[in-house]
Amino acid sequence: MAKLKSPKRAYDSSRRQAQANETRRHILEAARKLFMERGYAGATAEAIAAEAGVSAQTIYAIFKNKRKILVSLMNVASPTGEEDHLPVHERSGAQAVARETDQRRQLRMFAEIVAYNLDQVAAVFEIMMDAARVEPDFEKIVEKLNKQRLAHMTLAVQQIAANGPFRDSMDETYARDMVWTLTSGEIYLLLTRDRGWSKEQYSEWLADTLTRVLLS
């Protein structure tokens, strides 16, 4: 009598993806730590692999090279990493700001998002500026990131302007430039690293300052 074959278990792609995301997160955490401690030149791919508890081959399979690890650290959207590859306007935070109709609450929500993002990337961007002295390719990456940040601030200003005019008939270009300046990584590091502010203090200051600058 022929033996019946047991049905194959369905391939659990979601579990495999979750494991891959977890490995990627460990690598990025290890990379952040070593970049902060050793700088770009001193944090080798092999050292990052050892810190993350993975093989160097895993590093190269996921990121290809050390440069792409550093760039990935600049693209943080949430603690889980689930939104890192989404365009900004599709991320839950930006959509929540767009749905809110009160401008002051919009600015407070926006400030919280900015504070979280800068807490993750401000010091990384500083390392990237250093890396540009070692690898000329980083100059183009830095230029692209600056253009993206300006586009993100433009979107935020448009979302707030949709619910009413700015003070003294301020136009959106001027408002965008104010927001772009106040949300810079340089200002964040001056207040948090040099003056000892917490991320939450920065968020409160940013919300209050933007409200005074933009609204009547």
C-alpha atoms as a PDB file:
ATOM      1  CA  MET A   1       0.000   0.000   0.000  1.00  0.00           C
ATOM      2  CA  ALA A   2       1.439   3.343  -1.046  1.00  0.00           C
ATOM      3  CA  LYS A   3       2.298   5.687   1.804  1.00  0.00           C
ATOM      4  CA  LEU A   4       0.346   8.898   1.717  1.00  0.00           C
ATOM      5  CA  LYS A   5       2.469  12.029   1.551  1.00  0.00           C
ATOM      6  CA  SER A   6       1.797  14.565   4.222  1.00  0.00           C
ATOM      7  CA  PRO A   7       0.879  17.984   2.859  1.00  0.00           C
ATOM      8  CA  LYS A   8       3.730  20.478   2.695  1.00  0.00           C
ATOM      9  CA  ARG A   9       3.570  23.240   5.205  1.00  0.00           C
ATOM     10  CA  ALA A  10       2.841  26.607   3.641  1.00  0.00           C
ATOM     11  CA  TYR A  11       5.948  28.735   3.322  1.00  0.00           C
ATOM     12  CA  ASP A  12       5.797  31.410   5.999  1.00  0.00           C
ATOM     13  CA  SER A  13       7.149  34.380   4.076  1.00  0.00           C
ATOM     14  CA  SER A  14       5.999  36.867   6.694  1.00  0.00           C
ATOM     15  CA  ARG A  15       8.045  35.157   9.396  1.00  0.00           C
ATOM     16  CA  ARG A  16      11.098  35.056   7.163  1.00  0.00           C
ATOM     17  CA  GLN A  17      10.670  38.753   6.371  1.00  0.00           C
ATOM     18  CA  ALA A  18      10.348  39.565  10.068  1.00  0.00           C
ATOM     19  CA  GLN A  19      13.611  37.718  10.766  1.00  0.00           C
ATOM     20  CA  ALA A  20      15.327  39.585   7.924  1.00  0.00           C
ATOM     21  CA  ASN A  21      14.067  42.912   9.290  1.00  0.00           C
ATOM     22  CA  GLU A  22      15.358  42.016  12.750  1.00  0.00           C
ATOM     23  CA  THR A  23      18.802  41.154  11.359  1.00  0.00           C
ATOM     24  CA  ARG A  24      18.858  44.418   9.437  1.00  0.00           C
ATOM     25  CA  ARG A  25      17.898  46.346  12.576  1.00  0.00           C
ATOM     26  CA  HIS A  26      20.702  44.711  14.597  1.00  0.00           C
ATOM     27  CA  ILE A  27      23.224  45.603  11.904  1.00  0.00           C
ATOM     28  CA  LEU A  28      22.074  49.228  11.798  1.00  0.00           C
ATOM     29  CA  GLU A  29      22.217  49.513  15.600  1.00  0.00           C
ATOM     30  CA  ALA A  30      25.736  48.094  15.605  1.00  0.00           C
ATOM     31  CA  ALA A  31      26.765  50.391  12.769  1.00  0.00           C
ATOM     32  CA  ARG A  32      25.385  53.465  14.534  1.00  0.00           C
ATOM     33  CA  LYS A  33      27.330  52.596  17.700  1.00  0.00           C
ATOM     34  CA  LEU A  34      30.619  52.071  15.866  1.00  0.00           C
ATOM     35  CA  PHE A  35      30.241  55.092  13.586  1.00  0.00           C
ATOM     36  CA  MET A  36      29.720  57.238  16.699  1.00  0.00           C
ATOM     37  CA  GLU A  37      32.691  55.719  18.496  1.00  0.00           C
ATOM     38  CA  ARG A  38      35.183  55.384  15.627  1.00  0.00           C
ATOM     39  CA  GLY A  39      33.965  57.639  12.837  1.00  0.00           C
ATOM     40  CA  TYR A  40      33.301  56.500   9.287  1.00  0.00           C
ATOM     41  CA  ALA A  41      36.845  55.441   8.445  1.00  0.00           C
ATOM     42  CA  GLY A  42      37.345  53.546  11.715  1.00  0.00           C
ATOM     43  CA  ALA A  43      34.134  51.507  11.571  1.00  0.00           C
ATOM     44  CA  THR A  44      34.907  48.709   9.120  1.00  0.00           C
ATOM     45  CA  ALA A  45      32.265  46.371   7.721  1.00  0.00           C
ATOM     46  CA  GLU A  46      33.977  43.490   9.543  1.00  0.00           C
ATOM     47  CA  ALA A  47      33.818  45.360  12.865  1.00  0.00           C
ATOM     48  CA  ILE A  48      30.133  46.146  12.309  1.00  0.00           C
ATOM     49  CA  ALA A  49      29.446  42.485  11.559  1.00  0.00           C
ATOM     50  CA  ALA A  50      31.204  41.392  14.756  1.00  0.00           C
ATOM     51  CA  GLU A  51      29.289  43.964  16.823  1.00  0.00           C
ATOM     52  CA  ALA A  52      25.991  42.805  15.300  1.00  0.00           C
ATOM     53  CA  GLY A  53      26.803  39.114  15.764  1.00  0.00           C
ATOM     54  CA  VAL A  54      26.536  38.293  12.065  1.00  0.00           C
ATOM     55  CA  SER A  55      29.004  37.341   9.343  1.00  0.00           C
ATOM     56  CA  ALA A  56      30.613  39.884   7.047  1.00  0.00           C
ATOM     57  CA  GLN A  57      28.893  38.048   4.179  1.00  0.00           C
ATOM     58  CA  THR A  58      25.518  38.917   5.746  1.00  0.00           C
ATOM     59  CA  ILE A  59      26.514  42.585   5.851  1.00  0.00           C
ATOM     60  CA  TYR A  60      27.417  42.555   2.158  1.00  0.00           C
ATOM     61  CA  ALA A  61      24.330  40.557   1.183  1.00  0.00           C
ATOM     62  CA  ILE A  62      21.968  43.064   2.818  1.00  0.00           C
ATOM     63  CA  PHE A  63      23.755  46.382   2.268  1.00  0.00           C
ATOM     64  CA  LYS A  64      26.424  45.698  -0.404  1.00  0.00           C
ATOM     65  CA  ASN A  65      28.909  48.091   1.226  1.00  0.00           C
ATOM     66  CA  LYS A  66      29.586  50.312   4.249  1.00  0.00           C
ATOM     67  CA  ARG A  67      28.437  53.454   2.441  1.00  0.00           C
ATOM     68  CA  LYS A  68      24.925  52.043   2.030  1.00  0.00           C
ATOM     69  CA  ILE A  69      24.788  51.211   5.744  1.00  0.00           C
ATOM     70  CA  LEU A  70      25.436  54.850   6.599  1.00  0.00           C
ATOM     71  CA  VAL A  71      22.848  56.033   4.075  1.00  0.00           C
ATOM     72  CA  SER A  72      20.303  53.570   5.522  1.00  0.00           C
ATOM     73  CA  LEU A  73      20.826  55.115   8.959  1.00  0.00           C
ATOM     74  CA  MET A  74      19.601  58.412   7.492  1.00  0.00           C
ATOM     75  CA  ASN A  75      16.302  56.893   6.353  1.00  0.00           C
ATOM     76  CA  VAL A  76      14.656  56.157   9.679  1.00  0.00           C
ATOM     77  CA  ALA A  77      10.891  56.591   9.918  1.00  0.00           C
ATOM     78  CA  SER A  78       9.841  54.573  12.976  1.00  0.00           C
ATOM     79  CA  PRO A  79      11.314  52.296  15.681  1.00  0.00           C
ATOM     80  CA  THR A  80      10.116  49.203  13.833  1.00  0.00           C
ATOM     81  CA  GLY A  81      11.643  50.216  10.493  1.00  0.00           C
ATOM     82  CA  GLU A  82       8.425  49.225   8.722  1.00  0.00           C
ATOM     83  CA  GLU A  83       7.998  52.651   7.079  1.00  0.00           C
ATOM     84  CA  ASP A  84      11.639  53.380   6.263  1.00  0.00           C
ATOM     85  CA  HIS A  85      11.173  52.779   2.536  1.00  0.00           C
ATOM     86  CA  LEU A  86       7.871  54.634   2.176  1.00  0.00           C
ATOM     87  CA  PRO A  87       7.745  58.123   0.639  1.00  0.00           C
ATOM     88  CA  VAL A  88       7.298  60.714   3.393  1.00  0.00           C
ATOM     89  CA  HIS A  89       3.743  61.627   2.372  1.00  0.00           C
ATOM     90  CA  GLU A  90       2.706  57.957   2.777  1.00  0.00           C
ATOM     91  CA  ARG A  91       4.089  57.565   6.297  1.00  0.00           C
ATOM     92  CA  SER A  92       1.638  57.452   9.174  1.00  0.00           C
ATOM     93  CA  GLY A  93       3.040  60.540  10.904  1.00  0.00           C
ATOM     94  CA  ALA A  94       2.748  62.774   7.834  1.00  0.00           C
ATOM     95  CA  GLN A  95      -0.740  61.458   7.134  1.00  0.00           C
ATOM     96  CA  ALA A  96      -1.813  62.181  10.710  1.00  0.00           C
ATOM     97  CA  VAL A  97      -0.552  65.770  10.410  1.00  0.00           C
ATOM     98  CA  ALA A  98      -2.450  66.132   7.127  1.00  0.00           C
ATOM     99  CA  ARG A  99      -5.704  64.881   8.717  1.00  0.00           C
ATOM    100  CA  GLU A 100      -5.493  67.287  11.654  1.00  0.00           C
ATOM    101  CA  THR A 101      -7.395  70.545  11.031  1.00  0.00           C
ATOM    102  CA  ASP A 102      -6.083  72.647  13.929  1.00  0.00           C
ATOM    103  CA  GLN A 103      -2.825  74.352  12.921  1.00  0.00           C
ATOM    104  CA  ARG A 104      -1.399  74.499  16.436  1.00  0.00           C
ATOM    105  CA  ARG A 105      -1.964  70.797  16.975  1.00  0.00           C
ATOM    106  CA  GLN A 106      -0.467  70.150  13.535  1.00  0.00           C
ATOM    107  CA  LEU A 107       2.696  71.998  14.517  1.00  0.00           C
ATOM    108  CA  ARG A 108       2.969  70.080  17.788  1.00  0.00           C
ATOM    109  CA  MET A 109       2.567  66.744  15.980  1.00  0.00           C
ATOM    110  CA  PHE A 110       5.066  67.836  13.334  1.00  0.00           C
ATOM    111  CA  ALA A 111       7.569  68.886  16.026  1.00  0.00           C
ATOM    112  CA  GLU A 112       7.339  65.456  17.670  1.00  0.00           C
ATOM    113  CA  ILE A 113       8.066  63.735  14.342  1.00  0.00           C
ATOM    114  CA  VAL A 114      11.025  66.037  13.660  1.00  0.00           C
ATOM    115  CA  ALA A 115      12.434  65.491  17.157  1.00  0.00           C
ATOM    116  CA  TYR A 116      12.260  61.709  16.769  1.00  0.00           C
ATOM    117  CA  ASN A 117      13.877  61.806  13.328  1.00  0.00           C
ATOM    118  CA  LEU A 118      16.661  64.183  14.359  1.00  0.00           C
ATOM    119  CA  ASP A 119      17.377  62.095  17.442  1.00  0.00           C
ATOM    120  CA  GLN A 120      18.096  59.245  15.016  1.00  0.00           C
ATOM    121  CA  VAL A 121      19.879  61.023  12.180  1.00  0.00           C
ATOM    122  CA  ALA A 122      21.403  64.386  13.189  1.00  0.00           C
ATOM    123  CA  ALA A 123      24.677  62.900  14.446  1.00  0.00           C
ATOM    124  CA  VAL A 124      24.703  60.398  11.558  1.00  0.00           C
ATOM    125  CA  PHE A 125      24.498  63.256   9.064  1.00  0.00           C
ATOM    126  CA  GLU A 126      27.484  64.867  10.790  1.00  0.00           C
ATOM    127  CA  ILE A 127      29.421  61.620  10.283  1.00  0.00           C
ATOM    128  CA  MET A 128      28.343  61.606   6.649  1.00  0.00           C
ATOM    129  CA  MET A 129      29.806  65.092   6.209  1.00  0.00           C
ATOM    130  CA  ASP A 130      33.074  63.722   7.600  1.00  0.00           C
ATOM    131  CA  ALA A 131      32.844  60.723   5.286  1.00  0.00           C
ATOM    132  CA  ALA A 132      32.594  63.071   2.290  1.00  0.00           C
ATOM    133  CA  ARG A 133      36.245  63.951   2.946  1.00  0.00           C
ATOM    134  CA  VAL A 134      37.157  60.277   2.538  1.00  0.00           C
ATOM    135  CA  GLU A 135      34.741  59.217  -0.202  1.00  0.00           C
ATOM    136  CA  PRO A 136      33.832  61.906  -2.764  1.00  0.00           C
ATOM    137  CA  ASP A 137      30.612  60.022  -3.643  1.00  0.00           C
ATOM    138  CA  PHE A 138      29.166  61.235  -0.345  1.00  0.00           C
ATOM    139  CA  GLU A 139      29.083  64.825  -1.611  1.00  0.00           C
ATOM    140  CA  LYS A 140      26.306  63.891  -4.046  1.00  0.00           C
ATOM    141  CA  ILE A 141      24.503  61.913  -1.342  1.00  0.00           C
ATOM    142  CA  VAL A 142      24.633  64.890   1.042  1.00  0.00           C
ATOM    143  CA  GLU A 143      23.310  67.182  -1.684  1.00  0.00           C
ATOM    144  CA  LYS A 144      20.446  64.774  -2.400  1.00  0.00           C
ATOM    145  CA  LEU A 145      19.557  64.468   1.295  1.00  0.00           C
ATOM    146  CA  ASN A 146      19.450  68.249   1.659  1.00  0.00           C
ATOM    147  CA  LYS A 147      17.085  68.504  -1.309  1.00  0.00           C
ATOM    148  CA  GLN A 148      14.881  65.774   0.183  1.00  0.00           C
ATOM    149  CA  ARG A 149      14.713  67.585   3.516  1.00  0.00           C
ATOM    150  CA  LEU A 150      13.666  70.794   1.759  1.00  0.00           C
ATOM    151  CA  ALA A 151      10.928  68.836  -0.048  1.00  0.00           C
ATOM    152  CA  HIS A 152       9.747  67.364   3.273  1.00  0.00           C
ATOM    153  CA  MET A 153       9.533  70.832   4.846  1.00  0.00           C
ATOM    154  CA  THR A 154       7.633  72.078   1.795  1.00  0.00           C
ATOM    155  CA  LEU A 155       5.062  69.301   2.295  1.00  0.00           C
ATOM    156  CA  ALA A 156       4.700  70.120   5.995  1.00  0.00           C
ATOM    157  CA  VAL A 157       4.138  73.814   5.269  1.00  0.00           C
ATOM    158  CA  GLN A 158       1.533  72.961   2.631  1.00  0.00           C
ATOM    159  CA  GLN A 159      -0.302  70.710   5.097  1.00  0.00           C
ATOM    160  CA  ILE A 160      -0.440  73.508   7.683  1.00  0.00           C
ATOM    161  CA  ALA A 161      -1.338  76.210   5.129  1.00  0.00           C
ATOM    162  CA  ALA A 162      -4.309  74.096   4.038  1.00  0.00           C
ATOM    163  CA  ASN A 163      -5.995  74.974   7.356  1.00  0.00           C
ATOM    164  CA  GLY A 164      -5.530  78.744   7.289  1.00  0.00           C
ATOM    165  CA  PRO A 165      -3.196  81.613   6.400  1.00  0.00           C
ATOM    166  CA  PHE A 166       0.117  82.318   8.089  1.00  0.00           C
ATOM    167  CA  ARG A 167       0.668  85.468  10.134  1.00  0.00           C
ATOM    168  CA  ASP A 168       1.081  88.838   8.384  1.00  0.00           C
ATOM    169  CA  SER A 169       0.250  87.240   5.012  1.00  0.00           C
ATOM    170  CA  MET A 170       3.529  85.312   5.094  1.00  0.00           C
ATOM    171  CA  ASP A 171       3.952  83.359   1.867  1.00  0.00           C
ATOM    172  CA  GLU A 172       4.629  79.611   1.840  1.00  0.00           C
ATOM    173  CA  THR A 173       8.186  79.964   0.502  1.00  0.00           C
ATOM    174  CA  TYR A 174       9.216  82.181   3.430  1.00  0.00           C
ATOM    175  CA  ALA A 175       7.395  79.879   5.863  1.00  0.00           C
ATOM    176  CA  ARG A 176       9.158  76.844   4.391  1.00  0.00           C
ATOM    177  CA  ASP A 177      12.558  78.502   4.788  1.00  0.00           C
ATOM    178  CA  MET A 178      11.806  79.274   8.442  1.00  0.00           C
ATOM    179  CA  VAL A 179      10.746  75.674   9.088  1.00  0.00           C
ATOM    180  CA  TRP A 180      13.737  74.309   7.158  1.00  0.00           C
ATOM    181  CA  THR A 181      16.133  76.386   9.277  1.00  0.00           C
ATOM    182  CA  LEU A 182      14.586  75.623  12.668  1.00  0.00           C
ATOM    183  CA  THR A 183      14.493  71.874  11.978  1.00  0.00           C
ATOM    184  CA  SER A 184      18.140  71.604  10.961  1.00  0.00           C
ATOM    185  CA  GLY A 185      20.344  68.941  12.511  1.00  0.00           C
ATOM    186  CA  GLU A 186      22.853  71.607  13.509  1.00  0.00           C
ATOM    187  CA  ILE A 187      20.343  73.373  15.757  1.00  0.00           C
ATOM    188  CA  TYR A 188      19.172  70.058  17.204  1.00  0.00           C
ATOM    189  CA  LEU A 189      22.730  69.059  18.143  1.00  0.00           C
ATOM    190  CA  LEU A 190      23.509  72.492  19.581  1.00  0.00           C
ATOM    191  CA  LEU A 191      20.554  72.213  21.942  1.00  0.00           C
ATOM    192  CA  THR A 192      20.681  68.500  22.813  1.00  0.00           C
ATOM    193  CA  ARG A 193      24.358  67.611  22.696  1.00  0.00           C
ATOM    194  CA  ASP A 194      25.944  70.954  23.597  1.00  0.00           C
ATOM    195  CA  ARG A 195      23.295  72.361  25.937  1.00  0.00           C
ATOM    196  CA  GLY A 196      21.994  69.076  27.335  1.00  0.00           C
ATOM    197  CA  TRP A 197      18.356  69.369  26.260  1.00  0.00           C
ATOM    198  CA  SER A 198      16.275  66.234  25.981  1.00  0.00           C
ATOM    199  CA  LYS A 199      14.534  65.263  22.762  1.00  0.00           C
ATOM    200  CA  GLU A 200      11.239  66.159  24.445  1.00  0.00           C
ATOM    201  CA  GLN A 201      12.496  69.635  25.403  1.00  0.00           C
ATOM    202  CA  TYR A 202      13.563  70.224  21.814  1.00  0.00           C
ATOM    203  CA  SER A 203      10.145  69.100  20.561  1.00  0.00           C
ATOM    204  CA  GLU A 204       8.353  71.517  22.922  1.00  0.00           C
ATOM    205  CA  TRP A 205      10.670  74.376  21.937  1.00  0.00           C
ATOM    206  CA  LEU A 206      10.230  73.668  18.224  1.00  0.00           C
ATOM    207  CA  ALA A 207       6.419  73.533  18.467  1.00  0.00           C
ATOM    208  CA  ASP A 208       6.282  76.779  20.458  1.00  0.00           C
ATOM    209  CA  THR A 209       8.756  78.561  18.169  1.00  0.00           C
ATOM    210  CA  LEU A 210       7.018  77.479  14.968  1.00  0.00           C
ATOM    211  CA  THR A 211       3.660  78.573  16.401  1.00  0.00           C
ATOM    212  CA  ARG A 212       5.023  82.041  17.203  1.00  0.00           C
ATOM    213  CA  VAL A 213       6.826  82.369  13.865  1.00  0.00           C
ATOM    214  CA  LEU A 214       4.058  81.096  11.593  1.00  0.00           C
ATOM    215  CA  LEU A 215       0.708  81.794  13.242  1.00  0.00           C
ATOM    216  CA  SER A 216      -1.107  84.893  14.442  1.00  0.00           C
END
